[in-house]
C-alpha atoms as a PDB file:
ATOM      1  CA  MET A   1      -0.984 127.271  38.128  1.00  0.00           C
ATOM      2  CA  SER A   2      -4.503 128.604  38.546  1.00  0.00           C
ATOM      3  CA  THR A   3      -6.834 128.891  35.566  1.00  0.00           C
ATOM      4  CA  ARG A   4      -6.928 132.674  35.918  1.00  0.00           C
ATOM      5  CA  LEU A   5      -3.145 132.909  35.849  1.00  0.00           C
ATOM      6  CA  LEU A   6      -2.967 130.652  32.794  1.00  0.00           C
ATOM      7  CA  LEU A   7      -5.605 132.728  31.015  1.00  0.00           C
ATOM      8  CA  GLY A   8      -3.650 135.826  31.999  1.00  0.00           C
ATOM      9  CA  CYS A   9      -0.673 134.382  30.106  1.00  0.00           C
ATOM     10  CA  ALA A  10      -2.770 134.133  26.945  1.00  0.00           C
ATOM     11  CA  ILE A  11      -4.177 137.634  27.444  1.00  0.00           C
ATOM     12  CA  ALA A  12      -0.655 139.044  27.807  1.00  0.00           C
ATOM     13  CA  SER A  13       0.755 137.220  24.771  1.00  0.00           C
ATOM     14  CA  ALA A  14      -0.434 139.576  22.008  1.00  0.00           C
ATOM     15  CA  PRO A  15       0.289 142.877  23.821  1.00  0.00           C
ATOM     16  CA  PHE A  16       3.737 141.597  24.770  1.00  0.00           C
ATOM     17  CA  PHE A  17       4.531 140.549  21.202  1.00  0.00           C
ATOM     18  CA  CYS A  18       3.125 143.658  19.536  1.00  0.00           C
ATOM     19  CA  LEU A  19       4.671 146.206  21.903  1.00  0.00           C
ATOM     20  CA  LEU A  20       8.113 144.631  21.614  1.00  0.00           C
ATOM     21  CA  LEU A  21       7.690 144.422  17.837  1.00  0.00           C
ATOM     22  CA  ILE A  22       6.691 148.098  17.542  1.00  0.00           C
ATOM     23  CA  TRP A  23       9.620 149.134  19.707  1.00  0.00           C
ATOM     24  CA  GLN A  24      12.031 147.307  17.410  1.00  0.00           C
ATOM     25  CA  ILE A  25      10.472 148.712  14.247  1.00  0.00           C
ATOM     26  CA  VAL A  26      10.892 152.222  15.637  1.00  0.00           C
ATOM     27  CA  THR A  27      14.423 151.817  16.995  1.00  0.00           C
ATOM     28  CA  ARG A  28      16.050 149.581  14.377  1.00  0.00           C
ATOM     29  CA  PRO A  29      16.720 150.239  10.640  1.00  0.00           C
ATOM     30  CA  PHE A  30      13.783 148.046   9.624  1.00  0.00           C
ATOM     31  CA  ASN A  31      11.396 148.606   6.697  1.00  0.00           C
ATOM     32  CA  VAL A  32       8.072 147.159   7.830  1.00  0.00           C
ATOM     33  CA  TYR A  33       6.671 147.394   4.282  1.00  0.00           C
ATOM     34  CA  LEU A  34       9.354 145.365   2.544  1.00  0.00           C
ATOM     35  CA  THR A  35      11.054 143.234   5.197  1.00  0.00           C
ATOM     36  CA  PRO A  36       9.677 140.120   6.946  1.00  0.00           C
ATOM     37  CA  LEU A  37       9.417 140.760  10.670  1.00  0.00           C
ATOM     38  CA  SER A  38      11.224 137.461  11.334  1.00  0.00           C
ATOM     39  CA  LEU A  39      14.436 139.098  10.141  1.00  0.00           C
ATOM     40  CA  LEU A  40      14.437 141.149  13.326  1.00  0.00           C
ATOM     41  CA  SER A  41      15.907 137.984  14.846  1.00  0.00           C
ATOM     42  CA  LEU A  42      19.179 138.793  13.083  1.00  0.00           C
ATOM     43  CA  GLY A  43      21.927 141.274  13.868  1.00  0.00           C
ATOM     44  CA  ALA A  44      23.416 142.499  17.120  1.00  0.00           C
ATOM     45  CA  GLU A  45      19.978 143.155  18.632  1.00  0.00           C
ATOM     46  CA  GLY A  46      18.384 140.058  17.147  1.00  0.00           C
ATOM     47  CA  TRP A  47      18.123 138.467  20.580  1.00  0.00           C
ATOM     48  CA  ILE A  48      15.215 140.811  21.329  1.00  0.00           C
ATOM     49  CA  GLN A  49      12.995 139.303  18.641  1.00  0.00           C
ATOM     50  CA  ILE A  50      14.200 135.802  19.512  1.00  0.00           C
ATOM     51  CA  VAL A  51      13.038 136.399  23.083  1.00  0.00           C
ATOM     52  CA  ASN A  52       9.828 137.890  21.677  1.00  0.00           C
ATOM     53  CA  PHE A  53       9.026 134.760  19.670  1.00  0.00           C
ATOM     54  CA  ILE A  54       9.916 132.314  22.439  1.00  0.00           C
ATOM     55  CA  ALA A  55       8.283 134.210  25.316  1.00  0.00           C
ATOM     56  CA  THR A  56       5.078 134.776  23.316  1.00  0.00           C
ATOM     57  CA  GLY A  57       5.051 131.086  22.433  1.00  0.00           C
ATOM     58  CA  VAL A  58       5.441 130.041  26.064  1.00  0.00           C
ATOM     59  CA  LEU A  59       2.622 132.406  27.064  1.00  0.00           C
ATOM     60  CA  ALA A  60       0.394 130.901  24.364  1.00  0.00           C
ATOM     61  CA  VAL A  61       1.156 127.317  25.425  1.00  0.00           C
ATOM     62  CA  LEU A  62       0.380 128.114  29.060  1.00  0.00           C
ATOM     63  CA  GLY A  63      -2.691 130.041  27.967  1.00  0.00           C
ATOM     64  CA  ALA A  64      -3.933 127.046  25.992  1.00  0.00           C
ATOM     65  CA  VAL A  65      -4.102 125.068  29.231  1.00  0.00           C
ATOM     66  CA  GLY A  66      -6.169 127.818  30.827  1.00  0.00           C
ATOM     67  CA  ILE A  67      -8.448 128.019  27.790  1.00  0.00           C
ATOM     68  CA  ARG A  68      -9.007 124.258  27.961  1.00  0.00           C
ATOM     69  CA  ARG A  69     -10.001 124.489  31.613  1.00  0.00           C
ATOM     70  CA  ALA A  70     -12.228 127.535  31.213  1.00  0.00           C
ATOM     71  CA  TRP A  71     -13.966 126.407  28.047  1.00  0.00           C
ATOM     72  CA  GLY A  72     -15.184 123.134  29.502  1.00  0.00           C
ATOM     73  CA  GLY A  73     -16.570 120.318  27.394  1.00  0.00           C
ATOM     74  CA  GLY A  74     -18.469 120.339  24.159  1.00  0.00           C
ATOM     75  CA  ALA A  75     -17.569 121.526  20.670  1.00  0.00           C
ATOM     76  CA  GLY A  76     -14.162 123.186  20.535  1.00  0.00           C
ATOM     77  CA  GLY A  77     -13.153 122.058  24.003  1.00  0.00           C
ATOM     78  CA  THR A  78     -10.523 119.572  22.865  1.00  0.00           C
ATOM     79  CA  TRP A  79      -9.045 120.643  19.552  1.00  0.00           C
ATOM     80  CA  GLY A  80      -9.336 124.393  20.073  1.00  0.00           C
ATOM     81  CA  PRO A  81      -6.886 124.548  22.992  1.00  0.00           C
ATOM     82  CA  VAL A  82      -4.623 121.965  21.330  1.00  0.00           C
ATOM     83  CA  LEU A  83      -4.370 124.167  18.245  1.00  0.00           C
ATOM     84  CA  ILE A  84      -3.587 127.257  20.333  1.00  0.00           C
ATOM     85  CA  GLY A  85      -0.898 125.278  22.114  1.00  0.00           C
ATOM     86  CA  THR A  86       0.471 124.208  18.725  1.00  0.00           C
ATOM     87  CA  PHE A  87       0.444 127.862  17.662  1.00  0.00           C
ATOM     88  CA  GLY A  88       2.614 128.621  20.697  1.00  0.00           C
ATOM     89  CA  LEU A  89       4.999 125.790  19.878  1.00  0.00           C
ATOM     90  CA  GLY A  90       5.358 127.178  16.350  1.00  0.00           C
ATOM     91  CA  LEU A  91       6.394 130.532  17.806  1.00  0.00           C
ATOM     92  CA  ILE A  92       8.980 128.853  20.016  1.00  0.00           C
ATOM     93  CA  LEU A  93      10.332 126.973  17.003  1.00  0.00           C
ATOM     94  CA  ALA A  94      10.520 130.206  14.974  1.00  0.00           C
ATOM     95  CA  GLY A  95      12.483 131.808  17.797  1.00  0.00           C
ATOM     96  CA  ILE A  96      14.988 129.014  18.263  1.00  0.00           C
ATOM     97  CA  PHE A  97      15.746 128.682  14.536  1.00  0.00           C
ATOM     98  CA  HIS A  98      16.467 131.990  12.814  1.00  0.00           C
ATOM     99  CA  PRO A  99      15.854 132.950   9.153  1.00  0.00           C
ATOM    100  CA  ASP A 100      18.521 133.792   6.595  1.00  0.00           C
ATOM    101  CA  PRO A 101      19.507 137.451   5.995  1.00  0.00           C
ATOM    102  CA  GLY A 102      17.719 139.109   3.094  1.00  0.00           C
ATOM    103  CA  TYR A 103      15.633 142.056   1.917  1.00  0.00           C
ATOM    104  CA  GLY A 104      18.398 144.403   3.026  1.00  0.00           C
ATOM    105  CA  PHE A 105      18.253 143.332   6.665  1.00  0.00           C
ATOM    106  CA  PRO A 106      20.447 143.332   8.618  1.00  0.00           C
ATOM    107  CA  PRO A 107      22.211 146.200   6.815  1.00  0.00           C
ATOM    108  CA  GLY A 108      24.492 144.734   4.159  1.00  0.00           C
ATOM    109  CA  ALA A 109      22.276 141.717   3.482  1.00  0.00           C
ATOM    110  CA  PRO A 110      21.063 140.935  -0.088  1.00  0.00           C
ATOM    111  CA  LEU A 111      18.233 143.220  -1.194  1.00  0.00           C
ATOM    112  CA  GLY A 112      16.009 140.317  -2.175  1.00  0.00           C
ATOM    113  CA  ALA A 113      15.378 136.883  -0.742  1.00  0.00           C
ATOM    114  CA  ALA A 114      18.395 134.879   0.378  1.00  0.00           C
ATOM    115  CA  PRO A 115      19.914 133.074  -2.648  1.00  0.00           C
ATOM    116  CA  THR A 116      20.022 129.776  -0.729  1.00  0.00           C
ATOM    117  CA  VAL A 117      17.987 128.514   2.209  1.00  0.00           C
ATOM    118  CA  SER A 118      19.889 127.126   5.180  1.00  0.00           C
ATOM    119  CA  SER A 119      18.657 124.223   7.290  1.00  0.00           C
ATOM    120  CA  HIS A 120      17.854 126.468  10.255  1.00  0.00           C
ATOM    121  CA  ALA A 121      15.866 128.794   7.977  1.00  0.00           C
ATOM    122  CA  MET A 122      13.875 125.787   6.723  1.00  0.00           C
ATOM    123  CA  VAL A 123      12.936 124.923  10.297  1.00  0.00           C
ATOM    124  CA  HIS A 124      12.068 128.584  10.932  1.00  0.00           C
ATOM    125  CA  ASN A 125       9.789 128.553   7.877  1.00  0.00           C
ATOM    126  CA  ALA A 126       8.184 125.345   9.140  1.00  0.00           C
ATOM    127  CA  GLY A 127       7.507 127.169  12.413  1.00  0.00           C
ATOM    128  CA  PHE A 128       5.759 129.928  10.464  1.00  0.00           C
ATOM    129  CA  LEU A 129       3.560 127.368   8.701  1.00  0.00           C
ATOM    130  CA  ILE A 130       2.688 125.791  12.055  1.00  0.00           C
ATOM    131  CA  ILE A 131       1.816 129.210  13.500  1.00  0.00           C
ATOM    132  CA  MET A 132      -0.470 130.188  10.639  1.00  0.00           C
ATOM    133  CA  GLY A 133      -1.997 126.746  10.077  1.00  0.00           C
ATOM    134  CA  SER A 134      -2.865 126.131  13.723  1.00  0.00           C
ATOM    135  CA  LEU A 135      -4.186 129.667  14.167  1.00  0.00           C
ATOM    136  CA  LEU A 136      -6.398 129.320  11.095  1.00  0.00           C
ATOM    137  CA  ALA A 137      -7.767 125.972  12.251  1.00  0.00           C
ATOM    138  CA  ALA A 138      -8.315 127.196  15.826  1.00  0.00           C
ATOM    139  CA  CYS A 139     -10.429 130.097  14.575  1.00  0.00           C
ATOM    140  CA  PHE A 140     -12.871 127.777  12.828  1.00  0.00           C
ATOM    141  CA  VAL A 141     -12.908 125.211  15.639  1.00  0.00           C
ATOM    142  CA  PHE A 142     -13.874 127.897  18.145  1.00  0.00           C
ATOM    143  CA  ALA A 143     -16.328 129.416  15.644  1.00  0.00           C
ATOM    144  CA  ARG A 144     -18.149 126.092  15.652  1.00  0.00           C
ATOM    145  CA  GLY A 145     -18.005 125.958  19.436  1.00  0.00           C
ATOM    146  CA  PHE A 146     -19.385 129.462  19.862  1.00  0.00           C
ATOM    147  CA  GLY A 147     -22.073 128.713  17.299  1.00  0.00           C
ATOM    148  CA  ARG A 148     -23.170 125.652  19.252  1.00  0.00           C
ATOM    149  CA  ARG A 149     -23.436 127.813  22.379  1.00  0.00           C
ATOM    150  CA  GLY A 150     -25.463 130.532  20.713  1.00  0.00           C
ATOM    151  CA  ARG A 151     -22.664 133.123  20.786  1.00  0.00           C
ATOM    152  CA  ASN A 152     -23.138 134.218  17.185  1.00  0.00           C
ATOM    153  CA  GLY A 153     -21.161 137.439  17.539  1.00  0.00           C
ATOM    154  CA  TRP A 154     -18.084 135.587  18.725  1.00  0.00           C
ATOM    155  CA  ALA A 155     -18.608 132.862  16.121  1.00  0.00           C
ATOM    156  CA  THR A 156     -18.586 135.541  13.416  1.00  0.00           C
ATOM    157  CA  TYR A 157     -15.468 137.156  14.888  1.00  0.00           C
ATOM    158  CA  CYS A 158     -13.683 133.795  14.820  1.00  0.00           C
ATOM    159  CA  VAL A 159     -14.689 133.204  11.199  1.00  0.00           C
ATOM    160  CA  LEU A 160     -13.567 136.673  10.114  1.00  0.00           C
ATOM    161  CA  THR A 161     -10.214 136.196  11.841  1.00  0.00           C
ATOM    162  CA  GLY A 162      -9.840 132.823  10.163  1.00  0.00           C
ATOM    163  CA  ILE A 163     -10.580 134.387   6.774  1.00  0.00           C
ATOM    164  CA  ALA A 164      -8.034 137.145   7.444  1.00  0.00           C
ATOM    165  CA  VAL A 165      -5.196 134.638   7.887  1.00  0.00           C
ATOM    166  CA  PRO A 166      -5.035 133.287   4.293  1.00  0.00           C
ATOM    167  CA  ALA A 167      -6.285 136.600   2.846  1.00  0.00           C
ATOM    168  CA  LEU A 168      -3.405 138.636   4.284  1.00  0.00           C
ATOM    169  CA  ILE A 169      -0.869 135.958   3.401  1.00  0.00           C
ATOM    170  CA  GLY A 170      -2.212 135.943  -0.162  1.00  0.00           C
ATOM    171  CA  LEU A 171      -2.105 139.741  -0.295  1.00  0.00           C
ATOM    172  CA  THR A 172       1.528 139.658   0.754  1.00  0.00           C
ATOM    173  CA  PHE A 173       2.475 137.264  -2.042  1.00  0.00           C
ATOM    174  CA  ALA A 174       0.376 139.174  -4.586  1.00  0.00           C
ATOM    175  CA  THR A 175       1.810 142.610  -3.803  1.00  0.00           C
ATOM    176  CA  ARG A 176       5.265 141.608  -2.496  1.00  0.00           C
ATOM    177  CA  VAL A 177       4.646 144.069   0.328  1.00  0.00           C
ATOM    178  CA  LEU A 178       5.282 142.557   3.771  1.00  0.00           C
ATOM    179  CA  LEU A 179       3.065 144.877   5.821  1.00  0.00           C
ATOM    180  CA  PRO A 180       0.013 142.536   5.618  1.00  0.00           C
ATOM    181  CA  ILE A 181       1.985 139.804   7.413  1.00  0.00           C
ATOM    182  CA  THR A 182       2.745 142.232  10.238  1.00  0.00           C
ATOM    183  CA  LEU A 183      -0.945 143.161  10.418  1.00  0.00           C
ATOM    184  CA  LEU A 184      -1.773 139.454  10.488  1.00  0.00           C
ATOM    185  CA  SER A 185       0.343 139.058  13.605  1.00  0.00           C
ATOM    186  CA  VAL A 186      -1.615 141.819  15.332  1.00  0.00           C
ATOM    187  CA  ILE A 187      -5.004 140.440  14.234  1.00  0.00           C
ATOM    188  CA  GLY A 188      -4.286 136.753  14.802  1.00  0.00           C
ATOM    189  CA  TYR A 189      -2.371 136.980  18.053  1.00  0.00           C
ATOM    190  CA  GLY A 190      -4.902 139.533  19.293  1.00  0.00           C
ATOM    191  CA  TRP A 191      -7.677 137.023  18.697  1.00  0.00           C
ATOM    192  CA  VAL A 192      -6.008 134.589  21.103  1.00  0.00           C
ATOM    193  CA  SER A 193      -5.731 137.279  23.773  1.00  0.00           C
ATOM    194  CA  LEU A 194      -9.350 138.405  23.376  1.00  0.00           C
ATOM    195  CA  LEU A 195     -10.595 134.817  23.507  1.00  0.00           C
ATOM    196  CA  ALA A 196      -8.752 134.299  26.790  1.00  0.00           C
ATOM    197  CA  ALA A 197     -10.098 137.610  28.130  1.00  0.00           C
ATOM    198  CA  LEU A 198     -13.656 136.490  27.396  1.00  0.00           C
ATOM    199  CA  LEU A 199     -13.092 133.201  29.186  1.00  0.00           C
ATOM    200  CA  MET A 200     -11.556 134.924  32.194  1.00  0.00           C
ATOM    201  CA  ARG A 201     -14.527 137.286  32.458  1.00  0.00           C
ATOM    202  CA  ASN A 202     -16.885 134.353  32.141  1.00  0.00           C
ATOM    203  CA  ALA A 203     -15.012 132.347  34.779  1.00  0.00           C
ATOM    204  CA  ALA A 204     -15.325 135.287  37.183  1.00  0.00           C
ATOM    205  CA  ALA A 205     -19.122 135.185  36.953  1.00  0.00           C
ATOM    206  CA  PRO A 206     -20.374 133.394  40.076  1.00  0.00           C
ATOM    207  CA  THR A 207     -23.187 131.559  38.312  1.00  0.00           C
ATOM    208  CA  ASP A 208     -21.431 130.450  35.120  1.00  0.00           C
ATOM    209  CA  GLN A 209     -18.091 128.705  34.877  1.00  0.00           C
ATOM    210  CA  THR A 210     -18.001 127.907  31.159  1.00  0.00           C
ATOM    211  CA  VAL A 211     -18.802 129.807  28.005  1.00  0.00           C
ATOM    212  CA  ARG A 212     -22.518 129.632  27.250  1.00  0.00           C
END
C-alpha cells in the first residue's frame, strides 16, 4: 500500500469511530453520561460497536505504517508509530473480547458495575489499558519529535492531548460520570487522525518529504 493510502487510513480512523459511536448513542437506549461506551458491544445490535472497535483498530495499525514512512528518521520516528500501532491493537482486542453487562445496559442489566468480572471482560479491560497507555506515551514521544524539529505548536498540542488522557480518566473516576471517557475517545483518536493529516500534507509538498 502507498504511504498516502496508509495515512488516509489513520485520517479516517477517528471520524469513522466517532460517527458510528454518535449514531449508536442516538438510536440505542444508551446513557452517555452514566454508561461506558464499551457496553455498546452488547445486545442485539452490539455487533455494530464490535465492528467499530475492530475496524478503527485496523485503520490505526495501517496508519501507523504510513506515519512511520512519512515521519522519517530522528526523534519519534521509531517508537511513535509503534505506539500508535499498539493503540490500534488495543482497539482490536477490545472489540474481540466484550465487557460484562452493567450500568443498566443492555436493558435489564444490573444498574451498577457487574458483580463479577468474566475472563473475556478482563481481556477487554486490558485492551482499554493498552489503548490509553499507548496513546498517552505516543503523545509525548511525538511532542519530543516535534520539539526537536522546531514545530512548537504541534509539540504543545501533543503535550496537551497527553495531559488530557489521564485527566479525563481521573475525572471519570472522581465524578462517576462516564461522559469524560467518551470525550477522551474524541480527543485522543482525533489526535491520531490530525497527526496523519499533517504528515500527508507535508508529504504532498514537492520540496519536503518529512516533517521539519
